[in-house]
Structure formats: C-alpha cells, structure tokens
Protein backbone atom coordinates (compact mmCIF):
# COMPACT_ATOMS: atom_id res chain seq x y z
CA MET A 1 81.21 -7.49 -117.94
CA LYS A 2 83.94 -10.29 -118.01
CA ASN A 3 84.58 -10.00 -114.20
CA THR A 4 81.15 -9.98 -113.22
CA PHE A 5 80.25 -13.16 -115.03
CA TYR A 6 83.34 -14.87 -113.35
CA ALA A 7 82.00 -13.54 -110.16
CA PHE A 8 78.63 -15.01 -110.59
CA MET A 9 80.12 -18.69 -112.02
CA ILE A 10 82.49 -18.83 -108.86
CA LEU A 11 79.54 -17.78 -106.58
CA LEU A 12 77.25 -20.53 -108.30
CA SER A 13 80.15 -23.06 -107.79
CA ILE A 14 80.74 -22.65 -104.32
CA LYS A 15 77.07 -22.60 -103.39
CA SER A 16 76.75 -26.20 -104.56
CA PHE A 17 79.76 -27.45 -102.22
CA ALA A 18 79.59 -28.04 -98.26
CA GLN A 19 81.96 -26.41 -96.23
CA ASP A 20 83.84 -29.61 -95.60
CA PHE A 21 84.38 -30.04 -99.07
CA THR A 22 87.91 -31.93 -99.44
CA GLY A 23 89.68 -33.96 -102.52
CA SER A 24 92.44 -35.50 -103.80
CA ALA A 25 94.29 -35.04 -107.44
CA ILE A 26 97.06 -36.76 -109.06
CA TYR A 27 99.23 -35.19 -111.36
CA LYS A 28 102.32 -36.48 -113.63
CA THR A 29 105.06 -34.03 -114.18
CA ASP A 30 107.85 -33.65 -116.85
CA MET A 31 110.57 -31.27 -117.59
CA LYS A 32 113.21 -30.34 -120.42
CA MET A 33 116.92 -30.07 -118.85
CA GLU A 34 119.62 -28.10 -120.22
CA LEU A 35 122.66 -29.75 -120.05
CA LYS A 36 126.00 -29.01 -121.90
CA MET A 37 129.28 -30.74 -122.16
CA ASP A 38 132.14 -30.80 -124.03
CA SER A 39 131.76 -32.52 -127.44
CA THR A 40 135.33 -33.61 -127.50
CA GLU A 41 134.94 -35.31 -124.14
CA THR A 42 131.44 -36.39 -124.68
CA SER A 43 129.94 -38.54 -127.63
CA ALA A 44 126.61 -37.55 -129.11
CA ASN A 45 125.46 -41.08 -127.76
CA GLN A 46 126.46 -40.25 -124.81
CA MET A 47 124.90 -36.77 -124.46
CA ASP A 48 121.33 -38.40 -125.60
CA MET A 49 121.73 -40.92 -122.89
CA ILE A 50 122.53 -38.37 -120.04
CA GLN A 51 119.48 -36.33 -121.17
CA GLU A 52 117.41 -39.07 -121.36
CA GLN A 53 118.22 -40.19 -117.62
CA LEU A 54 117.54 -36.60 -116.59
CA ARG A 55 114.27 -36.35 -118.51
CA PHE A 56 113.25 -39.69 -116.45
CA ALA A 57 114.29 -38.51 -112.92
CA MET A 58 112.06 -35.35 -113.62
CA GLN A 59 108.90 -37.83 -114.93
CA LYS A 60 107.17 -38.05 -111.59
CA ASP A 61 103.80 -38.44 -110.02
CA PHE A 62 102.38 -36.05 -107.09
CA GLU A 63 99.28 -36.34 -105.19
CA LEU A 64 97.82 -33.10 -104.02
CA THR A 65 95.35 -33.30 -101.16
CA PHE A 66 92.93 -30.29 -100.13
CA ASN A 67 90.05 -29.08 -98.35
CA LYS A 68 88.61 -25.33 -98.76
CA THR A 69 91.75 -23.51 -97.78
CA GLU A 70 94.60 -25.89 -97.07
CA SER A 71 96.62 -28.72 -99.05
CA ASN A 72 99.22 -30.79 -99.04
CA TRP A 73 101.59 -31.77 -101.90
CA ARG A 74 103.70 -34.88 -101.87
CA GLU A 75 105.81 -37.28 -104.89
CA LEU A 76 104.38 -40.66 -104.78
CA GLU A 77 107.02 -43.42 -104.58
CA LYS A 78 108.71 -44.39 -107.76
CA LEU A 79 109.98 -48.18 -107.67
CA ASP A 80 111.75 -47.99 -111.18
CA LYS A 81 114.81 -45.66 -110.94
CA PRO A 82 116.89 -44.46 -113.75
CA ALA A 83 119.65 -46.80 -114.78
CA VAL A 84 123.26 -45.38 -115.52
CA ALA A 85 124.46 -46.01 -119.18
CA SER A 86 127.39 -48.66 -119.22
CA GLY A 87 130.82 -47.00 -118.69
CA MET A 88 129.30 -43.50 -117.57
CA ASN A 89 129.88 -41.99 -114.19
CA VAL A 90 126.87 -40.07 -113.94
CA GLN A 91 124.72 -39.61 -110.97
CA ILE A 92 121.38 -37.76 -111.12
CA GLN A 93 119.90 -36.16 -107.91
CA ILE A 94 116.88 -34.32 -107.99
CA VAL A 95 115.93 -32.03 -104.88
CA GLY A 96 113.50 -29.43 -103.87
CA ASN A 97 109.31 -29.19 -104.91
CA GLY A 98 108.61 -31.62 -101.89
CA GLY A 99 110.29 -34.30 -103.60
CA GLY A 100 111.31 -37.77 -102.05
CA SER A 101 109.99 -39.87 -99.60
CA ASP A 102 110.16 -37.40 -96.74
CA GLY A 103 109.17 -34.05 -99.06
CA LEU A 104 105.77 -32.57 -98.10
CA LEU A 105 104.47 -29.20 -98.97
CA TYR A 106 101.72 -27.55 -97.03
CA LYS A 107 100.17 -24.37 -98.39
CA ASN A 108 97.36 -22.44 -96.65
CA THR A 109 95.50 -19.87 -98.93
CA LYS A 110 94.12 -18.14 -95.92
CA THR A 111 97.01 -17.23 -94.24
CA LYS A 112 98.97 -17.17 -97.60
CA LYS A 113 101.91 -19.40 -95.77
CA SER A 114 103.57 -22.56 -96.88
CA LEU A 115 105.80 -25.04 -95.00
CA GLU A 116 107.75 -27.66 -96.99
CA SER A 117 109.63 -30.55 -95.17
CA THR A 118 112.34 -31.75 -98.20
CA ASP A 119 115.30 -33.81 -98.02
CA ALA A 120 118.05 -32.47 -99.85
CA PHE A 121 121.41 -33.79 -100.38
CA GLY A 122 120.81 -36.16 -97.26
CA LYS A 123 119.66 -33.38 -95.13
CA LEU A 124 116.28 -32.58 -94.18
CA PHE A 125 114.91 -29.30 -93.89
CA LEU A 126 111.89 -27.32 -92.82
CA VAL A 127 111.34 -24.61 -95.29
CA ALA A 128 108.81 -21.59 -94.10
CA ASP A 129 107.73 -19.10 -96.47
CA GLU A 130 105.35 -16.87 -98.08
CA LEU A 131 102.81 -17.49 -100.68
CA GLU A 132 103.78 -15.79 -103.32
CA PRO A 133 101.11 -13.67 -105.32
CA VAL A 134 100.66 -14.33 -108.87
CA GLU A 135 99.12 -11.52 -111.03
CA TRP A 136 97.04 -13.86 -113.41
CA GLU A 137 95.56 -12.70 -116.85
CA MET A 138 92.12 -14.97 -116.97
CA THR A 139 90.74 -15.74 -120.39
CA SER A 140 87.61 -16.89 -121.61
CA GLU A 141 89.38 -19.77 -123.58
CA THR A 142 88.02 -23.16 -122.36
CA LYS A 143 89.17 -26.75 -123.11
CA GLN A 144 87.80 -29.98 -121.61
CA ILE A 145 90.44 -31.92 -119.00
CA GLY A 146 88.56 -35.41 -118.27
CA LYS A 147 85.01 -34.22 -117.34
CA TYR A 148 85.87 -30.79 -116.26
CA THR A 149 85.33 -27.67 -118.29
CA CYS A 150 88.91 -25.74 -117.74
CA TYR A 151 89.31 -21.86 -118.62
CA LYS A 152 93.09 -20.95 -119.43
CA ALA A 153 95.00 -18.05 -117.36
CA ILE A 154 98.53 -16.86 -118.06
CA SER A 155 100.98 -15.15 -116.00
CA LYS A 156 104.17 -13.56 -116.95
CA ARG A 157 107.47 -12.89 -114.46
CA GLU A 158 111.08 -12.28 -114.74
CA VAL A 159 113.07 -15.11 -113.44
CA THR A 160 116.49 -15.50 -112.85
CA GLU A 161 118.67 -18.44 -114.06
CA THR A 162 122.20 -19.42 -112.41
CA VAL A 163 124.40 -20.61 -114.84
CA PHE A 164 127.40 -22.61 -113.20
CA SER A 165 130.17 -23.54 -115.93
CA ASP A 166 133.75 -25.11 -115.84
CA VAL A 167 135.87 -24.34 -118.86
CA ASN A 168 139.67 -25.72 -118.88
CA GLY A 169 139.59 -26.03 -115.15
CA GLU A 170 138.25 -22.47 -114.54
CA SER A 171 134.66 -22.43 -112.56
CA GLU A 172 132.57 -19.39 -113.50
CA GLU A 173 129.13 -18.53 -112.21
CA LYS A 174 126.76 -16.05 -114.04
CA LYS A 175 123.09 -14.84 -113.70
CA GLU A 176 120.57 -14.90 -116.42
CA LYS A 177 117.68 -13.22 -116.52
CA ARG A 178 114.50 -14.22 -119.08
CA MET A 179 110.90 -13.72 -119.19
CA GLN A 180 108.74 -16.91 -118.32
CA THR A 181 105.31 -17.31 -119.20
CA THR A 182 103.19 -19.72 -117.77
CA THR A 183 99.78 -21.00 -118.85
CA VAL A 184 97.58 -22.89 -116.47
CA TRP A 185 93.87 -24.41 -116.98
CA TYR A 186 91.68 -24.45 -114.10
CA THR A 187 87.93 -25.45 -113.54
CA PRO A 188 85.60 -23.72 -111.42
CA GLU A 189 83.56 -26.86 -110.96
CA ILE A 190 86.15 -27.62 -108.40
CA PRO A 191 85.80 -24.26 -106.56
CA VAL A 192 89.21 -24.31 -104.45
CA ASN A 193 92.11 -21.87 -105.52
CA HIS A 194 94.86 -24.50 -104.80
CA GLY A 195 97.21 -25.98 -107.67
CA PRO A 196 100.00 -28.45 -107.64
CA GLU A 197 103.60 -27.41 -106.24
CA ARG A 198 103.38 -23.44 -105.43
CA TYR A 199 100.57 -22.55 -108.01
CA TRP A 200 97.48 -20.95 -106.40
CA GLY A 201 95.30 -17.98 -106.48
CA LEU A 202 92.65 -18.90 -109.13
CA PRO A 203 88.43 -19.69 -108.70
CA GLY A 204 89.10 -22.99 -109.46
CA LEU A 205 91.32 -26.13 -109.01
CA ILE A 206 94.36 -25.81 -111.12
CA LEU A 207 94.27 -29.00 -113.31
CA GLU A 208 97.35 -28.26 -116.01
CA VAL A 209 100.40 -26.17 -115.80
CA SER A 210 102.93 -25.34 -118.61
CA ASN A 211 105.90 -22.74 -118.55
CA GLY A 212 107.93 -23.93 -121.77
CA ARG A 213 110.37 -26.03 -119.39
CA ARG A 214 108.09 -27.98 -117.06
CA ILE A 215 104.44 -29.57 -117.30
CA MET A 216 102.15 -30.89 -114.66
CA ILE A 217 98.89 -32.75 -115.77
CA CYS A 218 96.11 -33.97 -113.31
CA THR A 219 95.26 -37.54 -114.44
CA GLN A 220 92.59 -38.25 -111.67
CA VAL A 221 90.43 -35.98 -109.27
CA VAL A 222 88.58 -37.77 -106.15
CA LEU A 223 86.09 -35.45 -104.66
CA ASN A 224 84.79 -36.11 -101.04
CA PRO A 225 86.62 -39.48 -100.69
CA GLU A 226 85.17 -42.33 -98.37
CA LYS A 227 88.26 -42.04 -96.55
CA PRO A 228 88.72 -38.69 -95.02
CA VAL A 229 91.43 -36.27 -96.32
CA THR A 230 93.40 -35.21 -93.39
CA ILE A 231 95.96 -32.49 -94.19
CA GLU A 232 99.39 -32.44 -92.51
CA ILE A 233 101.51 -29.64 -91.13
CA PRO A 234 105.11 -30.72 -91.69
CA SER A 235 107.28 -30.31 -88.46
CA LYS A 236 110.41 -32.45 -89.50
CA GLY A 237 113.76 -30.80 -90.63
CA LYS A 238 116.04 -27.83 -89.78
CA LYS A 239 114.13 -24.91 -89.80
CA VAL A 240 114.95 -22.30 -92.49
CA ASP A 241 113.22 -19.56 -94.48
CA GLY A 242 113.27 -19.43 -98.45
CA GLU A 243 116.22 -17.22 -98.69
CA GLU A 244 118.24 -19.20 -96.49
CA TYR A 245 117.31 -22.45 -98.14
CA GLU A 246 117.83 -20.86 -101.89
CA ALA A 247 121.68 -19.90 -100.53
CA ILE A 248 122.20 -23.55 -99.07
CA MET A 249 121.26 -24.96 -102.50
CA LYS A 250 123.15 -22.29 -104.32
CA GLU A 251 126.52 -23.45 -102.19
CA HIS A 252 125.74 -27.18 -103.06
CA ALA A 253 125.43 -26.17 -106.73
CA GLU A 254 128.92 -24.23 -106.55
CA LYS A 255 130.52 -27.52 -104.64
CA MET A 256 128.96 -29.75 -107.73
CA ASN A 257 130.29 -27.73 -110.27
CA LYS A 258 133.82 -27.44 -108.82
CA MET A 259 133.32 -31.58 -108.24
CA TYR A 260 132.65 -31.99 -112.13
CA GLY A 261 135.32 -29.87 -113.05
CA GLY A 262 138.04 -30.61 -110.58
CA GLY A 263 139.45 -33.43 -112.28
CA LYS A 264 140.77 -31.18 -115.17
CA LYS A 265 144.03 -29.25 -115.17
CA LYS A 266 144.78 -26.09 -116.28
CA GLY A 267 145.21 -25.84 -119.91
CA GLN A 268 143.11 -29.02 -120.73
CA HIS A 269 140.26 -28.50 -123.00
CA SER A 270 136.95 -29.57 -121.20
CA SER A 271 133.85 -27.65 -120.52
CA PHE A 272 130.75 -28.26 -118.43
CA GLU A 273 127.53 -26.36 -117.57
CA ILE A 274 124.52 -26.47 -115.41
CA ARG A 275 121.71 -24.38 -115.39
CA ILE A 276 119.25 -24.30 -112.44
CA GLY A 277 116.40 -21.52 -111.42
CA GLY A 278 113.10 -20.66 -113.56
C-alpha cells in the first residue's frame, strides 16, 4: 500500500512539469573533523584553533544545476579564507567532491555515469566513475524545508576509514570499518532524482543530507529560471577511474603523514593522527 501511494504521488508530480524542466539549488555544507595531536606538543588552545580552522575550511557553498536526467555540482567561490593562528605552522588543504574553482561534478542518472574534474594537490584530474546505487529506506515522516514538504529516507552502509598516524617517528597506516547511517530529506514536489554531491536515486530532489559527520542543507531553489540552465560535461584533467583516483589520494595522504611526523627522531615523544574516508 505504501509503495502504491509513493508511485501515485510521483506520477502526479511528474505530470505537472514539462519535459524541459530545469532548476538550480544552493547548498551549505559543514563537517566534523577528527584530528588528534600529542597534548605535550600542542596546547588545548592551539588544538581548538586548528579544529576551528579545519571546520571553517569545510563550511562551503555549492550549486546544483539540473534537468530531468543530468546535473552539475560545483563549489561557489569563497572570498574569505581561514587565517592561520599566530605562531603556528599549519596549512589546511581540502580536496575532492568537486571542490575548488576548477571542480565540476557531472552526473547522469539515465546512464548511471559520473565525470568529475577536480583540482587535487595542484594537479587537475578527470575522474570517470559509475553512479553507485543506494538502497534507500523510504519513510512516511515529513518536515518542511522552505516551502517544500520533504520526506525522510535512510541508507546504511559499511565504510572504511584510513587512519594515518605517527608515533615517536614511526609511521603507521590502518583501516577501520564502521557502519554509516545517512539520513536525507527529499521533496516529490521537485520530481527529479538528483541530490547534492553524489547523492541521488529518490523520487524527488534531495534538500538535506546528514551522515553524522557531514551535513548539507539546501538554502535556495530556483525552478525553470529565466536564464537557461546549461549542463556541462567536464573534459579537463588527467583521465583516471575512481579506483585510480583513490590510490593517488592515499599516496598523497601517506606523504603528508611522513612530512608531519618526519621532523621527529626516534625516541622523541610525539604523536599525530589523520583520519580520512567515510
């Protein structure tokens, strides 16, 4: 009965729009960062400053433009940059997810393909990949986001985090698995199966995403704007597939870990840990 209701609701929504239906949506993102450093080397004040800088670096604005089957996801330019705390040698660099002025993620929900042009560590990559299917558990729970009635959907999957640590000059890498629960809110009033970043596959535009560590919230939607929406297919960068790109990111993370820990000699008490993934 529930599935029949959803199908009927979707059909009604789809019939109310023309085939050339287009739109754009603005999202704000935020993320919790996990960074552990030796308390004997870093004061509580310094740690708070670093955590705040990392959080600020992840607070970004993105735009999703879309038609019935294709979408673009790109970061909007941010004029203010995080300041480095006085007396601290800290550099913050965030990569991936269509970030940066050259970043552009293209998704096609009909062919189930994606293509992303992304600037990582000063190099431009063109990442060709499949759109990973998501097993959504759809619920009848609703809430209002702006003027749209949204429905809650949940997905659960096992994710692997790579932990790079340096203790007393010894580098170590380990994998940690955990279950990640993602909660999204989508609206059938905008009948496209798009969403922010790589989220997709629901009978309506996804307006909010939360997975416990990251949240993305839509703050503005414009449907059928006066200026025609043009969906771009990225073509710049060294072409790699998803697995090749992950291997490149892993190698760079290892280099960063050695760089941060490389200044200590064996026997000196120090520790540094970076978590990526999930």
